[in-house]
Amino acid sequence: MKPAIILFAHGSRDPLWRLPIEAVAAEIQSRDQNVQVRCAYLELCLPSLPEAAATFIAEGVQHIRIFPLFLGVGKHAREDLPQIIEEIRSAHPTVRLELLPTAGESPQLTALMADIALT
C-alpha cells in the first residue's frame, strides 16, 4: 500500500487562498489515483494536521508523508511542525510519519521559479 500524502500549509481566512494548495492535491491525485492525498493547515483553515492524520489513520493508513508547502524554513517549519508531528506520533505510535523537506528546500522548485521569472 502506498503512503498517504498530507500537503501542509499555513492557512488563511480568505477561502481563495486554499485554491493553489488544493490544486496541488488534485494534480497528485490525477497523476496517481492510488495515492490518497489531503490538505491540512496550521491555522485559520480546517482540517488541522492532527485531524487530517487521524482521518487517514481511522481509514487504516499506516504510512503518511507530510509535505510542508512553505517556501521559507521559518519558525513554523523549524519549531511548530516538528512539535505537531511528535504529538501525532505519541497518539499513534504504530503509524509511520515521514516529514518531507519544505517545498522551498527543493532544488526543482527553485529552478522552476527561476524559469518562470525568466520567461
Protein backbone atom coordinates (compact mmCIF):
# COMPACT_ATOMS: atom_id res chain seq x y z
CA MET A 1 0.00 0.00 0.00
CA LYS A 2 1.34 3.41 -0.98
CA PRO A 3 1.78 6.05 1.71
CA ALA A 4 -0.88 8.69 2.01
CA ILE A 5 0.17 12.31 1.50
CA ILE A 6 -0.77 15.36 3.52
CA LEU A 7 0.01 18.73 1.97
CA PHE A 8 0.58 21.01 4.94
CA ALA A 9 0.25 24.77 4.54
CA HIS A 10 -0.12 27.82 6.76
CA GLY A 11 -3.78 28.70 6.24
CA SER A 12 -5.72 31.93 5.73
CA ARG A 13 -9.13 33.41 6.43
CA ASP A 14 -9.50 34.06 2.70
CA PRO A 15 -11.15 30.98 1.13
CA LEU A 16 -9.45 31.68 -2.22
CA TRP A 17 -6.04 31.25 -0.56
CA ARG A 18 -6.63 27.47 -0.42
CA LEU A 19 -7.08 27.07 -4.18
CA PRO A 20 -3.38 26.59 -5.08
CA ILE A 21 -2.91 24.07 -2.24
CA GLU A 22 -5.97 22.13 -3.36
CA ALA A 23 -4.73 22.32 -6.97
CA VAL A 24 -1.52 20.53 -5.94
CA ALA A 25 -3.61 17.84 -4.24
CA ALA A 26 -5.73 17.46 -7.38
CA GLU A 27 -2.61 17.21 -9.55
CA ILE A 28 -1.16 14.49 -7.32
CA GLN A 29 -4.45 12.60 -7.47
CA SER A 30 -4.65 12.93 -11.25
CA ARG A 31 -1.13 11.53 -11.64
CA ASP A 32 -1.69 8.56 -9.34
CA GLN A 33 -5.24 7.59 -8.47
CA ASN A 34 -3.96 5.01 -5.98
CA VAL A 35 -2.47 7.68 -3.74
CA GLN A 36 -4.60 9.19 -1.04
CA VAL A 37 -3.97 12.91 -0.58
CA ARG A 38 -5.40 15.54 1.75
CA CYS A 39 -4.64 19.14 2.60
CA ALA A 40 -4.10 20.33 6.18
CA TYR A 41 -3.40 23.71 7.69
CA LEU A 42 -1.52 25.19 10.62
CA GLU A 43 -4.13 27.82 11.41
CA LEU A 44 -7.20 29.67 10.15
CA CYS A 45 -8.36 26.72 7.97
CA LEU A 46 -9.53 23.20 8.60
CA PRO A 47 -8.56 20.46 8.81
CA SER A 48 -5.55 20.74 11.06
CA LEU A 49 -2.63 18.37 10.55
CA PRO A 50 -3.64 16.15 13.50
CA GLU A 51 -7.21 16.00 12.15
CA ALA A 52 -6.09 15.05 8.63
CA ALA A 53 -3.71 12.41 10.02
CA ALA A 54 -6.41 11.00 12.31
CA THR A 55 -8.78 10.66 9.37
CA PHE A 56 -6.20 8.70 7.38
CA ILE A 57 -5.35 6.55 10.41
CA ALA A 58 -9.04 5.79 11.00
CA GLU A 59 -9.16 4.57 7.39
CA GLY A 60 -6.30 2.16 8.11
CA VAL A 61 -3.40 4.15 6.66
CA GLN A 62 -0.10 3.15 8.30
CA HIS A 63 2.34 5.44 6.44
CA ILE A 64 1.78 9.16 5.95
CA ARG A 65 4.11 11.51 4.08
CA ILE A 66 3.78 15.13 5.19
CA PHE A 67 4.85 17.72 2.63
CA PRO A 68 5.13 21.25 4.08
CA LEU A 69 4.22 23.77 1.40
CA PHE A 70 6.35 26.55 2.84
CA LEU A 71 8.86 28.48 0.74
CA GLY A 72 10.97 29.51 3.71
CA VAL A 73 12.15 27.44 6.64
CA GLY A 74 10.88 29.74 9.37
CA LYS A 75 9.56 29.14 12.86
CA HIS A 76 6.55 27.17 11.65
CA ALA A 77 8.72 24.66 9.76
CA ARG A 78 11.54 24.54 12.33
CA GLU A 79 9.55 24.52 15.58
CA ASP A 80 5.78 24.24 15.22
CA LEU A 81 5.65 21.44 12.66
CA PRO A 82 8.07 19.06 14.47
CA GLN A 83 6.08 19.57 17.68
CA ILE A 84 2.81 18.71 15.91
CA ILE A 85 4.44 15.64 14.33
CA GLU A 86 5.61 14.44 17.75
CA GLU A 87 2.09 14.88 19.16
CA ILE A 88 0.68 12.75 16.33
CA ARG A 89 3.40 10.12 16.85
CA SER A 90 2.63 9.97 20.57
CA ALA A 91 -1.06 9.44 19.87
CA HIS A 92 -0.41 6.90 17.07
CA PRO A 93 2.94 5.20 17.75
CA THR A 94 2.44 2.41 15.19
CA VAL A 95 1.92 4.79 12.25
CA ARG A 96 4.94 5.82 10.19
CA LEU A 97 5.04 9.60 9.72
CA GLU A 98 7.51 10.79 7.12
CA LEU A 99 8.24 14.52 7.21
CA LEU A 100 9.50 15.72 3.83
CA PRO A 101 11.65 18.84 3.41
CA THR A 102 9.72 22.05 2.86
CA ALA A 103 8.81 22.91 -0.72
CA GLY A 104 11.24 25.83 -0.64
CA GLU A 105 14.15 23.48 0.01
CA SER A 106 13.56 21.66 -3.27
CA PRO A 107 16.13 22.40 -5.98
CA GLN A 108 13.46 21.51 -8.55
CA LEU A 109 11.10 24.18 -7.20
CA THR A 110 13.90 26.76 -7.08
CA ALA A 111 14.76 26.04 -10.72
CA LEU A 112 11.09 26.14 -11.75
CA MET A 113 10.56 29.53 -10.08
CA ALA A 114 13.67 30.87 -11.83
CA ASP A 115 12.37 29.53 -15.16
CA ILE A 116 9.02 31.23 -14.60
CA ALA A 117 10.69 34.53 -13.71
CA LEU A 118 12.90 34.41 -16.80
CA THR A 119 10.16 33.61 -19.33
